[in-house]
PDB file of N, CA and C in Angstrom:
ATOM      1  N   UNK A   1      66.256  15.639 -71.209  1.00  0.00           N
ATOM      2  CA  UNK A   1      65.480  16.213 -69.400  1.00  0.00           C
ATOM      3  C   UNK A   1      65.371  15.223 -69.160  1.00  0.00           C
ATOM      4  N   UNK A   2      64.740  14.425 -69.497  1.00  0.00           N
ATOM      5  CA  UNK A   2      64.445  12.842 -67.879  1.00  0.00           C
ATOM      6  C   UNK A   2      65.518  12.331 -68.072  1.00  0.00           C
ATOM      7  N   UNK A   3      66.778  12.292 -67.543  1.00  0.00           N
ATOM      8  CA  UNK A   3      67.198  12.117 -67.226  1.00  0.00           C
ATOM      9  C   UNK A   3      68.213  13.069 -66.623  1.00  0.00           C
ATOM     10  N   UNK A   4      68.112  14.469 -66.272  1.00  0.00           N
ATOM     11  CA  UNK A   4      67.933  14.814 -65.559  1.00  0.00           C
ATOM     12  C   UNK A   4      66.810  14.975 -64.624  1.00  0.00           C
ATOM     13  N   UNK A   5      65.291  14.567 -64.818  1.00  0.00           N
ATOM     14  CA  UNK A   5      64.474  14.131 -63.960  1.00  0.00           C
ATOM     15  C   UNK A   5      64.246  12.901 -63.207  1.00  0.00           C
ATOM     16  N   UNK A   6      65.765  12.105 -63.557  1.00  0.00           N
ATOM     17  CA  UNK A   6      65.565  10.974 -63.018  1.00  0.00           C
ATOM     18  C   UNK A   6      66.740  11.169 -62.588  1.00  0.00           C
ATOM     19  N   UNK A   7      68.019  11.750 -62.414  1.00  0.00           N
ATOM     20  CA  UNK A   7      69.426  11.953 -61.481  1.00  0.00           C
ATOM     21  C   UNK A   7      69.013  12.746 -60.164  1.00  0.00           C
ATOM     22  N   UNK A   8      68.112  14.004 -59.967  1.00  0.00           N
ATOM     23  CA  UNK A   8      67.426  14.672 -59.116  1.00  0.00           C
ATOM     24  C   UNK A   8      66.427  13.727 -58.068  1.00  0.00           C
ATOM     25  N   UNK A   9      66.207  13.264 -58.181  1.00  0.00           N
ATOM     26  CA  UNK A   9      65.650  12.601 -56.690  1.00  0.00           C
ATOM     27  C   UNK A   9      66.320  11.253 -56.466  1.00  0.00           C
ATOM     28  N   UNK A  10      67.198  10.840 -57.446  1.00  0.00           N
ATOM     29  CA  UNK A  10      68.271   9.094 -57.265  1.00  0.00           C
ATOM     30  C   UNK A  10      68.841  10.154 -56.084  1.00  0.00           C
ATOM     31  N   UNK A  11      69.744  11.543 -57.182  1.00  0.00           N
ATOM     32  CA  UNK A  11      70.404  11.943 -55.700  1.00  0.00           C
ATOM     33  C   UNK A  11      70.042  12.010 -54.041  1.00  0.00           C
ATOM     34  N   UNK A  12      69.300  12.672 -54.780  1.00  0.00           N
ATOM     35  CA  UNK A  12      68.416  13.415 -53.182  1.00  0.00           C
ATOM     36  C   UNK A  12      68.582  11.789 -52.726  1.00  0.00           C
ATOM     37  N   UNK A  13      68.142  10.768 -53.012  1.00  0.00           N
ATOM     38  CA  UNK A  13      68.355   9.521 -52.337  1.00  0.00           C
ATOM     39  C   UNK A  13      69.338   9.090 -51.648  1.00  0.00           C
ATOM     40  N   UNK A  14      70.593   9.574 -52.125  1.00  0.00           N
ATOM     41  CA  UNK A  14      71.421   8.687 -51.859  1.00  0.00           C
ATOM     42  C   UNK A  14      72.071   9.988 -51.173  1.00  0.00           C
ATOM     43  N   UNK A  15      72.120  11.103 -50.538  1.00  0.00           N
ATOM     44  CA  UNK A  15      72.100  12.035 -49.879  1.00  0.00           C
ATOM     45  C   UNK A  15      72.239  11.961 -49.117  1.00  0.00           C
ATOM     46  N   UNK A  16      70.116  11.521 -48.773  1.00  0.00           N
ATOM     47  CA  UNK A  16      69.556  11.173 -47.583  1.00  0.00           C
ATOM     48  C   UNK A  16      69.692   9.395 -46.994  1.00  0.00           C
ATOM     49  N   UNK A  17      70.273   8.662 -47.836  1.00  0.00           N
ATOM     50  CA  UNK A  17      70.735   7.482 -47.404  1.00  0.00           C
ATOM     51  C   UNK A  17      72.015   7.699 -46.107  1.00  0.00           C
ATOM     52  N   UNK A  18      73.190   8.105 -47.134  1.00  0.00           N
ATOM     53  CA  UNK A  18      74.426   9.073 -46.617  1.00  0.00           C
ATOM     54  C   UNK A  18      74.022   9.753 -45.022  1.00  0.00           C
ATOM     55  N   UNK A  19      73.339  10.507 -45.299  1.00  0.00           N
ATOM     56  CA  UNK A  19      72.650  10.847 -43.964  1.00  0.00           C
ATOM     57  C   UNK A  19      72.392   9.875 -42.712  1.00  0.00           C
ATOM     58  N   UNK A  20      72.151   8.983 -43.720  1.00  0.00           N
ATOM     59  CA  UNK A  20      70.876   8.247 -42.038  1.00  0.00           C
ATOM     60  C   UNK A  20      72.735   7.234 -41.945  1.00  0.00           C
ATOM     61  N   UNK A  21      72.449   6.327 -42.153  1.00  0.00           N
ATOM     62  CA  UNK A  21      73.929   5.507 -42.567  1.00  0.00           C
ATOM     63  C   UNK A  21      74.852   6.632 -41.502  1.00  0.00           C
ATOM     64  N   UNK A  22      75.410   7.435 -42.320  1.00  0.00           N
ATOM     65  CA  UNK A  22      76.903   8.020 -41.753  1.00  0.00           C
ATOM     66  C   UNK A  22      76.625   8.304 -40.084  1.00  0.00           C
ATOM     67  N   UNK A  23      75.729   8.308 -39.335  1.00  0.00           N
ATOM     68  CA  UNK A  23      76.130   8.977 -37.979  1.00  0.00           C
ATOM     69  C   UNK A  23      75.501   6.509 -37.788  1.00  0.00           C
ATOM     70  N   UNK A  24      75.553   6.169 -37.939  1.00  0.00           N
ATOM     71  CA  UNK A  24      76.151   4.005 -37.498  1.00  0.00           C
ATOM     72  C   UNK A  24      77.460   4.128 -36.595  1.00  0.00           C
ATOM     73  N   UNK A  25      78.378   5.558 -37.785  1.00  0.00           N
ATOM     74  CA  UNK A  25      79.823   4.091 -37.967  1.00  0.00           C
ATOM     75  C   UNK A  25      79.751   3.492 -39.068  1.00  0.00           C
ATOM     76  N   UNK A  26      79.190   3.125 -39.849  1.00  0.00           N
ATOM     77  CA  UNK A  26      79.035   2.296 -40.589  1.00  0.00           C
ATOM     78  C   UNK A  26      80.796   2.504 -41.093  1.00  0.00           C
ATOM     79  N   UNK A  27      80.742   3.893 -41.585  1.00  0.00           N
ATOM     80  CA  UNK A  27      81.564   4.258 -43.346  1.00  0.00           C
ATOM     81  C   UNK A  27      83.194   5.068 -41.710  1.00  0.00           C
ATOM     82  N   UNK A  28      83.859   4.818 -40.979  1.00  0.00           N
ATOM     83  CA  UNK A  28      84.688   5.162 -39.738  1.00  0.00           C
ATOM     84  C   UNK A  28      85.436   5.450 -40.328  1.00  0.00           C
ATOM     85  N   UNK A  29      86.067   5.995 -39.926  1.00  0.00           N
ATOM     86  CA  UNK A  29      87.446   6.898 -40.144  1.00  0.00           C
ATOM     87  C   UNK A  29      88.620   6.373 -40.986  1.00  0.00           C
ATOM     88  N   UNK A  30      89.015   8.213 -41.278  1.00  0.00           N
ATOM     89  CA  UNK A  30      89.071   7.886 -43.073  1.00  0.00           C
ATOM     90  C   UNK A  30      91.501   7.052 -41.861  1.00  0.00           C
ATOM     91  N   UNK A  31      91.698   5.788 -43.401  1.00  0.00           N
ATOM     92  CA  UNK A  31      92.602   5.004 -43.146  1.00  0.00           C
ATOM     93  C   UNK A  31      93.790   6.053 -42.680  1.00  0.00           C
ATOM     94  N   UNK A  32      94.738   5.681 -42.541  1.00  0.00           N
ATOM     95  CA  UNK A  32      96.356   6.442 -42.030  1.00  0.00           C
ATOM     96  C   UNK A  32      96.883   6.980 -43.659  1.00  0.00           C
ATOM     97  N   UNK A  33      96.477   6.136 -44.262  1.00  0.00           N
ATOM     98  CA  UNK A  33      97.084   6.025 -45.999  1.00  0.00           C
ATOM     99  C   UNK A  33      96.048   7.047 -46.913  1.00  0.00           C
ATOM    100  N   UNK A  34      94.636   7.367 -46.634  1.00  0.00           N
ATOM    101  CA  UNK A  34      94.036   8.472 -46.863  1.00  0.00           C
ATOM    102  C   UNK A  34      94.376   9.450 -46.726  1.00  0.00           C
ATOM    103  N   UNK A  35      94.430   9.450 -44.768  1.00  0.00           N
ATOM    104  CA  UNK A  35      94.912  10.649 -44.073  1.00  0.00           C
ATOM    105  C   UNK A  35      96.626  11.678 -44.347  1.00  0.00           C
ATOM    106  N   UNK A  36      97.200  11.070 -45.111  1.00  0.00           N
ATOM    107  CA  UNK A  36      98.823  10.938 -45.549  1.00  0.00           C
ATOM    108  C   UNK A  36      98.493  11.087 -46.653  1.00  0.00           C
ATOM    109  N   UNK A  37      97.416  11.189 -47.873  1.00  0.00           N
ATOM    110  CA  UNK A  37      96.909  12.157 -48.877  1.00  0.00           C
ATOM    111  C   UNK A  37      97.078  13.472 -48.636  1.00  0.00           C
ATOM    112  N   UNK A  38      96.466  13.847 -47.387  1.00  0.00           N
ATOM    113  CA  UNK A  38      95.746  15.493 -47.666  1.00  0.00           C
ATOM    114  C   UNK A  38      96.065  16.352 -46.355  1.00  0.00           C
ATOM    115  N   UNK A  39      97.176  15.676 -45.409  1.00  0.00           N
ATOM    116  CA  UNK A  39      97.557  16.368 -44.454  1.00  0.00           C
ATOM    117  C   UNK A  39      99.315  16.236 -45.315  1.00  0.00           C
ATOM    118  N   UNK A  40      99.532  17.277 -44.198  1.00  0.00           N
ATOM    119  CA  UNK A  40     101.047  18.154 -44.533  1.00  0.00           C
ATOM    120  C   UNK A  40     101.659  16.864 -45.053  1.00  0.00           C
ATOM    121  N   UNK A  41     102.529  15.780 -43.595  1.00  0.00           N
ATOM    122  CA  UNK A  41     102.815  14.409 -43.285  1.00  0.00           C
ATOM    123  C   UNK A  41     102.445  14.699 -42.171  1.00  0.00           C
ATOM    124  N   UNK A  42     101.967  13.030 -42.821  1.00  0.00           N
ATOM    125  CA  UNK A  42     101.276  11.887 -41.565  1.00  0.00           C
ATOM    126  C   UNK A  42     102.799  10.712 -41.992  1.00  0.00           C
ATOM    127  N   UNK A  43     103.344  10.549 -40.010  1.00  0.00           N
ATOM    128  CA  UNK A  43     104.246   9.232 -40.630  1.00  0.00           C
ATOM    129  C   UNK A  43     103.350   8.342 -40.221  1.00  0.00           C
ATOM    130  N   UNK A  44     103.392   6.971 -40.489  1.00  0.00           N
ATOM    131  CA  UNK A  44     102.097   5.854 -40.516  1.00  0.00           C
ATOM    132  C   UNK A  44     103.063   4.526 -40.452  1.00  0.00           C
ATOM    133  N   UNK A  45     104.132   4.047 -40.638  1.00  0.00           N
ATOM    134  CA  UNK A  45     105.036   3.004 -40.051  1.00  0.00           C
ATOM    135  C   UNK A  45     105.264   2.716 -40.818  1.00  0.00           C
ATOM    136  N   UNK A  46     104.216   2.106 -41.891  1.00  0.00           N
ATOM    137  CA  UNK A  46     103.850   2.091 -43.697  1.00  0.00           C
ATOM    138  C   UNK A  46     105.695   2.866 -44.821  1.00  0.00           C
ATOM    139  N   UNK A  47     106.240   2.089 -45.409  1.00  0.00           N
ATOM    140  CA  UNK A  47     107.406   3.227 -46.199  1.00  0.00           C
ATOM    141  C   UNK A  47     106.806   2.820 -47.109  1.00  0.00           C
ATOM    142  N   UNK A  48     105.918   2.762 -47.947  1.00  0.00           N
ATOM    143  CA  UNK A  48     105.538   3.261 -48.982  1.00  0.00           C
ATOM    144  C   UNK A  48     104.036   4.376 -48.368  1.00  0.00           C
ATOM    145  N   UNK A  49     103.698   4.277 -47.234  1.00  0.00           N
ATOM    146  CA  UNK A  49     102.949   4.986 -47.024  1.00  0.00           C
ATOM    147  C   UNK A  49     103.971   6.800 -47.143  1.00  0.00           C
ATOM    148  N   UNK A  50     104.568   6.579 -46.743  1.00  0.00           N
ATOM    149  CA  UNK A  50     105.676   7.572 -45.723  1.00  0.00           C
ATOM    150  C   UNK A  50     106.105   8.261 -47.206  1.00  0.00           C
ATOM    151  N   UNK A  51     106.009   7.408 -47.591  1.00  0.00           N
ATOM    152  CA  UNK A  51     107.499   7.950 -48.862  1.00  0.00           C
ATOM    153  C   UNK A  51     106.505   9.082 -49.903  1.00  0.00           C
ATOM    154  N   UNK A  52     105.476   8.481 -49.927  1.00  0.00           N
ATOM    155  CA  UNK A  52     104.251   8.513 -51.145  1.00  0.00           C
ATOM    156  C   UNK A  52     103.489   9.938 -50.696  1.00  0.00           C
ATOM    157  N   UNK A  53     104.054  10.157 -49.367  1.00  0.00           N
ATOM    158  CA  UNK A  53     103.442  11.683 -48.096  1.00  0.00           C
ATOM    159  C   UNK A  53     104.265  12.577 -47.913  1.00  0.00           C
ATOM    160  N   UNK A  54     105.523  11.670 -48.170  1.00  0.00           N
ATOM    161  CA  UNK A  54     107.041  12.928 -48.592  1.00  0.00           C
ATOM    162  C   UNK A  54     106.784  13.848 -49.767  1.00  0.00           C
ATOM    163  N   UNK A  55     106.201  13.438 -51.331  1.00  0.00           N
ATOM    164  CA  UNK A  55     105.987  14.203 -52.650  1.00  0.00           C
ATOM    165  C   UNK A  55     105.710  15.257 -52.137  1.00  0.00           C
ATOM    166  N   UNK A  56     105.596  16.364 -52.779  1.00  0.00           N
ATOM    167  CA  UNK A  56     105.943  17.841 -52.902  1.00  0.00           C
ATOM    168  C   UNK A  56     104.822  18.276 -54.141  1.00  0.00           C
ATOM    169  N   UNK A  57     104.036  18.966 -54.166  1.00  0.00           N
ATOM    170  CA  UNK A  57     103.213  20.366 -55.599  1.00  0.00           C
ATOM    171  C   UNK A  57     104.591  20.260 -56.328  1.00  0.00           C
ATOM    172  N   UNK A  58     103.605  20.235 -57.633  1.00  0.00           N
ATOM    173  CA  UNK A  58     104.435  20.675 -58.333  1.00  0.00           C
ATOM    174  C   UNK A  58     104.794  21.423 -58.440  1.00  0.00           C
ATOM    175  N   UNK A  59     105.603  22.556 -59.674  1.00  0.00           N
ATOM    176  CA  UNK A  59     105.869  24.170 -59.163  1.00  0.00           C
ATOM    177  C   UNK A  59     105.887  24.551 -60.998  1.00  0.00           C
ATOM    178  N   UNK A  60     105.439  26.256 -60.981  1.00  0.00           N
ATOM    179  CA  UNK A  60     105.389  25.994 -62.366  1.00  0.00           C
ATOM    180  C   UNK A  60     107.085  26.735 -62.730  1.00  0.00           C
ATOM    181  N   UNK A  61     108.187  26.397 -61.989  1.00  0.00           N
ATOM    182  CA  UNK A  61     109.019  26.916 -62.830  1.00  0.00           C
ATOM    183  C   UNK A  61     109.201  25.553 -63.720  1.00  0.00           C
ATOM    184  N   UNK A  62     109.002  23.889 -62.735  1.00  0.00           N
ATOM    185  CA  UNK A  62     108.887  22.366 -62.975  1.00  0.00           C
ATOM    186  C   UNK A  62     108.327  22.167 -65.043  1.00  0.00           C
ATOM    187  N   UNK A  63     106.857  23.160 -64.447  1.00  0.00           N
ATOM    188  CA  UNK A  63     106.472  22.946 -65.463  1.00  0.00           C
ATOM    189  C   UNK A  63     107.417  24.226 -67.326  1.00  0.00           C
ATOM    190  N   UNK A  64     107.497  25.722 -66.343  1.00  0.00           N
ATOM    191  CA  UNK A  64     108.511  25.734 -67.406  1.00  0.00           C
ATOM    192  C   UNK A  64     109.542  25.335 -68.676  1.00  0.00           C
ATOM    193  N   UNK A  65     109.829  24.832 -67.881  1.00  0.00           N
ATOM    194  CA  UNK A  65     111.551  23.161 -67.727  1.00  0.00           C
ATOM    195  C   UNK A  65     110.833  22.776 -69.154  1.00  0.00           C
ATOM    196  N   UNK A  66     109.679  21.830 -68.564  1.00  0.00           N
ATOM    197  CA  UNK A  66     109.488  20.400 -69.170  1.00  0.00           C
ATOM    198  C   UNK A  66     109.002  20.471 -69.656  1.00  0.00           C
ATOM    199  N   UNK A  67     108.530  22.088 -70.458  1.00  0.00           N
ATOM    200  CA  UNK A  67     107.249  21.957 -71.802  1.00  0.00           C
ATOM    201  C   UNK A  67     107.569  22.765 -72.689  1.00  0.00           C
ATOM    202  N   UNK A  68     109.008  24.159 -71.869  1.00  0.00           N
ATOM    203  CA  UNK A  68     110.505  24.635 -72.691  1.00  0.00           C
ATOM    204  C   UNK A  68     109.189  25.805 -73.629  1.00  0.00           C
ATOM    205  N   UNK A  69     109.325  26.185 -74.716  1.00  0.00           N
ATOM    206  CA  UNK A  69     108.449  26.556 -76.044  1.00  0.00           C
ATOM    207  C   UNK A  69     107.780  26.935 -75.845  1.00  0.00           C
ATOM    208  N   UNK A  70     106.501  25.296 -75.543  1.00  0.00           N
ATOM    209  CA  UNK A  70     105.117  24.935 -75.609  1.00  0.00           C
ATOM    210  C   UNK A  70     104.391  26.301 -74.394  1.00  0.00           C
ATOM    211  N   UNK A  71     104.775  25.654 -73.584  1.00  0.00           N
ATOM    212  CA  UNK A  71     104.435  26.953 -72.027  1.00  0.00           C
ATOM    213  C   UNK A  71     103.232  27.916 -72.236  1.00  0.00           C
ATOM    214  N   UNK A  72     104.101  29.133 -73.521  1.00  0.00           N
ATOM    215  CA  UNK A  72     103.129  30.267 -73.316  1.00  0.00           C
ATOM    216  C   UNK A  72     101.657  29.351 -74.250  1.00  0.00           C
ATOM    217  N   UNK A  73     101.827  28.443 -75.119  1.00  0.00           N
ATOM    218  CA  UNK A  73     100.570  27.997 -76.434  1.00  0.00           C
ATOM    219  C   UNK A  73     100.199  27.334 -75.488  1.00  0.00           C
ATOM    220  N   UNK A  74     100.144  27.223 -74.125  1.00  0.00           N
ATOM    221  CA  UNK A  74      99.245  25.700 -73.692  1.00  0.00           C
ATOM    222  C   UNK A  74      97.545  26.784 -73.488  1.00  0.00           C
ATOM    223  N   UNK A  75      97.674  28.212 -72.936  1.00  0.00           N
ATOM    224  CA  UNK A  75      96.335  28.432 -72.598  1.00  0.00           C
ATOM    225  C   UNK A  75      95.546  29.066 -74.032  1.00  0.00           C
ATOM    226  N   UNK A  76      96.087  29.444 -74.914  1.00  0.00           N
ATOM    227  CA  UNK A  76      95.998  29.890 -76.190  1.00  0.00           C
ATOM    228  C   UNK A  76      95.079  28.176 -76.937  1.00  0.00           C
ATOM    229  N   UNK A  77      96.025  27.302 -76.600  1.00  0.00           N
ATOM    230  CA  UNK A  77      94.863  25.285 -76.769  1.00  0.00           C
ATOM    231  C   UNK A  77      93.765  25.513 -75.830  1.00  0.00           C
ATOM    232  N   UNK A  78      93.716  26.036 -74.685  1.00  0.00           N
ATOM    233  CA  UNK A  78      93.320  25.352 -73.881  1.00  0.00           C
ATOM    234  C   UNK A  78      91.345  27.020 -74.033  1.00  0.00           C
ATOM    235  N   UNK A  79      91.679  28.055 -74.882  1.00  0.00           N
ATOM    236  CA  UNK A  79      90.771  28.708 -75.143  1.00  0.00           C
ATOM    237  C   UNK A  79      90.299  27.998 -76.672  1.00  0.00           C
ATOM    238  N   UNK A  80      91.454  27.644 -77.459  1.00  0.00           N
ATOM    239  CA  UNK A  80      90.821  27.423 -79.082  1.00  0.00           C
ATOM    240  C   UNK A  80      89.897  25.596 -78.703  1.00  0.00           C
ATOM    241  N   UNK A  81      90.305  24.863 -77.791  1.00  0.00           N
ATOM    242  CA  UNK A  81      89.519  23.673 -77.760  1.00  0.00           C
ATOM    243  C   UNK A  81      88.396  24.627 -76.765  1.00  0.00           C
ATOM    244  N   UNK A  82      88.107  25.622 -76.084  1.00  0.00           N
ATOM    245  CA  UNK A  82      86.459  25.907 -75.485  1.00  0.00           C
ATOM    246  C   UNK A  82      85.666  26.735 -76.301  1.00  0.00           C
ATOM    247  N   UNK A  83      86.027  27.394 -77.279  1.00  0.00           N
ATOM    248  CA  UNK A  83      85.381  27.974 -78.306  1.00  0.00           C
ATOM    249  C   UNK A  83      84.660  26.501 -79.070  1.00  0.00           C
ATOM    250  N   UNK A  84      85.263  26.086 -79.581  1.00  0.00           N
ATOM    251  CA  UNK A  84      84.829  24.677 -80.568  1.00  0.00           C
ATOM    252  C   UNK A  84      84.917  23.725 -79.869  1.00  0.00           C
ATOM    253  N   UNK A  85      83.486  23.496 -78.811  1.00  0.00           N
ATOM    254  CA  UNK A  85      83.069  21.820 -77.492  1.00  0.00           C
ATOM    255  C   UNK A  85      83.553  20.626 -78.641  1.00  0.00           C
ATOM    256  N   UNK A  86      84.091  19.621 -78.928  1.00  0.00           N
ATOM    257  CA  UNK A  86      83.212  18.303 -80.026  1.00  0.00           C
ATOM    258  C   UNK A  86      83.785  18.184 -78.767  1.00  0.00           C
ATOM    259  N   UNK A  87      83.650  16.048 -79.380  1.00  0.00           N
ATOM    260  CA  UNK A  87      84.302  15.421 -78.358  1.00  0.00           C
ATOM    261  C   UNK A  87      85.642  15.070 -77.903  1.00  0.00           C
ATOM    262  N   UNK A  88      86.604  15.155 -78.659  1.00  0.00           N
ATOM    263  CA  UNK A  88      87.767  15.198 -78.490  1.00  0.00           C
ATOM    264  C   UNK A  88      88.640  16.554 -77.879  1.00  0.00           C
ATOM    265  N   UNK A  89      87.305  17.921 -78.373  1.00  0.00           N
ATOM    266  CA  UNK A  89      87.933  18.386 -77.706  1.00  0.00           C
ATOM    267  C   UNK A  89      87.136  19.023 -76.138  1.00  0.00           C
ATOM    268  N   UNK A  90      85.968  18.268 -75.601  1.00  0.00           N
ATOM    269  CA  UNK A  90      86.487  18.309 -74.616  1.00  0.00           C
ATOM    270  C   UNK A  90      87.282  17.051 -73.333  1.00  0.00           C
ATOM    271  N   UNK A  91      87.589  16.201 -73.918  1.00  0.00           N
ATOM    272  CA  UNK A  91      88.176  14.790 -73.592  1.00  0.00           C
ATOM    273  C   UNK A  91      89.585  15.703 -73.091  1.00  0.00           C
ATOM    274  N   UNK A  92      90.345  16.448 -74.263  1.00  0.00           N
ATOM    275  CA  UNK A  92      91.115  17.115 -74.320  1.00  0.00           C
ATOM    276  C   UNK A  92      91.358  17.834 -72.562  1.00  0.00           C
ATOM    277  N   UNK A  93      90.096  18.816 -72.849  1.00  0.00           N
ATOM    278  CA  UNK A  93      90.541  19.765 -71.446  1.00  0.00           C
ATOM    279  C   UNK A  93      90.363  19.535 -70.398  1.00  0.00           C
ATOM    280  N   UNK A  94      89.274  18.478 -70.181  1.00  0.00           N
ATOM    281  CA  UNK A  94      89.227  17.311 -69.356  1.00  0.00           C
ATOM    282  C   UNK A  94      90.295  16.662 -68.802  1.00  0.00           C
ATOM    283  N   UNK A  95      91.422  15.975 -69.484  1.00  0.00           N
ATOM    284  CA  UNK A  95      92.050  15.190 -69.517  1.00  0.00           C
ATOM    285  C   UNK A  95      93.350  16.587 -68.374  1.00  0.00           C
ATOM    286  N   UNK A  96      93.242  17.646 -69.069  1.00  0.00           N
ATOM    287  CA  UNK A  96      94.407  18.264 -68.638  1.00  0.00           C
ATOM    288  C   UNK A  96      94.348  18.708 -67.547  1.00  0.00           C
ATOM    289  N   UNK A  97      92.916  19.310 -67.042  1.00  0.00           N
ATOM    290  CA  UNK A  97      92.469  19.544 -66.106  1.00  0.00           C
ATOM    291  C   UNK A  97      93.061  18.737 -65.545  1.00  0.00           C
ATOM    292  N   UNK A  98      92.308  17.542 -65.439  1.00  0.00           N
ATOM    293  CA  UNK A  98      92.593  15.988 -64.126  1.00  0.00           C
ATOM    294  C   UNK A  98      94.427  16.368 -63.718  1.00  0.00           C
ATOM    295  N   UNK A  99      95.060  16.493 -64.730  1.00  0.00           N
ATOM    296  CA  UNK A  99      96.077  16.278 -64.601  1.00  0.00           C
ATOM    297  C   UNK A  99      97.227  16.730 -64.391  1.00  0.00           C
ATOM    298  N   UNK A 100      96.849  18.209 -64.983  1.00  0.00           N
ATOM    299  CA  UNK A 100      97.067  19.343 -63.865  1.00  0.00           C
ATOM    300  C   UNK A 100      96.896  19.601 -62.811  1.00  0.00           C
ATOM    301  N   UNK A 101      95.493  19.266 -61.945  1.00  0.00           N
ATOM    302  CA  UNK A 101      95.332  19.204 -60.825  1.00  0.00           C
ATOM    303  C   UNK A 101      95.995  17.686 -59.828  1.00  0.00           C
ATOM    304  N   UNK A 102      96.040  16.786 -60.615  1.00  0.00           N
ATOM    305  CA  UNK A 102      97.009  16.426 -59.422  1.00  0.00           C
ATOM    306  C   UNK A 102      98.956  16.047 -60.184  1.00  0.00           C
ATOM    307  N   UNK A 103      98.639  16.650 -60.578  1.00  0.00           N
ATOM    308  CA  UNK A 103      99.788  16.707 -60.707  1.00  0.00           C
ATOM    309  C   UNK A 103     100.440  18.012 -60.191  1.00  0.00           C
ATOM    310  N   UNK A 104      99.601  18.807 -59.787  1.00  0.00           N
ATOM    311  CA  UNK A 104     100.338  20.259 -58.915  1.00  0.00           C
ATOM    312  C   UNK A 104     100.012  19.258 -57.222  1.00  0.00           C
ATOM    313  N   UNK A 105      99.674  17.753 -57.332  1.00  0.00           N
ATOM    314  CA  UNK A 105      99.254  17.982 -55.362  1.00  0.00           C
ATOM    315  C   UNK A 105     100.229  17.464 -54.604  1.00  0.00           C
ATOM    316  N   UNK A 106     100.746  16.563 -56.157  1.00  0.00           N
ATOM    317  CA  UNK A 106     102.096  15.416 -55.530  1.00  0.00           C
ATOM    318  C   UNK A 106     102.530  15.060 -56.816  1.00  0.00           C
ATOM    319  N   UNK A 107     104.267  15.143 -57.022  1.00  0.00           N
ATOM    320  CA  UNK A 107     105.093  15.477 -57.663  1.00  0.00           C
ATOM    321  C   UNK A 107     106.804  14.894 -57.121  1.00  0.00           C
ATOM    322  N   UNK A 108     107.418  14.077 -57.675  1.00  0.00           N
ATOM    323  CA  UNK A 108     108.755  12.761 -56.473  1.00  0.00           C
ATOM    324  C   UNK A 108     109.354  14.336 -56.540  1.00  0.00           C
ATOM    325  N   UNK A 109     110.149  13.881 -55.549  1.00  0.00           N
ATOM    326  CA  UNK A 109     111.378  14.652 -55.435  1.00  0.00           C
ATOM    327  C   UNK A 109     112.197  14.499 -55.924  1.00  0.00           C
TER     328      UNK A 109
END
């Protein structure tokens, strides 16, 4: 409870400070590398950045191919981990969610 009482003013202070600094141009525009990660494809002239920008999101077919027989069991494991929230299960849930998020954003061609 004490942590929440301290975190809320700290978060509010951070938002106010960011709002005060943002108009000054301190943060600047996003670089071409960062834009290349979020836009469909941006030619930057840098071969490394361009090759990363050409990656495509993973498909459900890919997950079925790689996971094979385990693929249908994933929702069951997810549900069981939610029923008994321990540190290990929380780690597995977070790891799976983060891995799925990034795998759905980018995969090698």
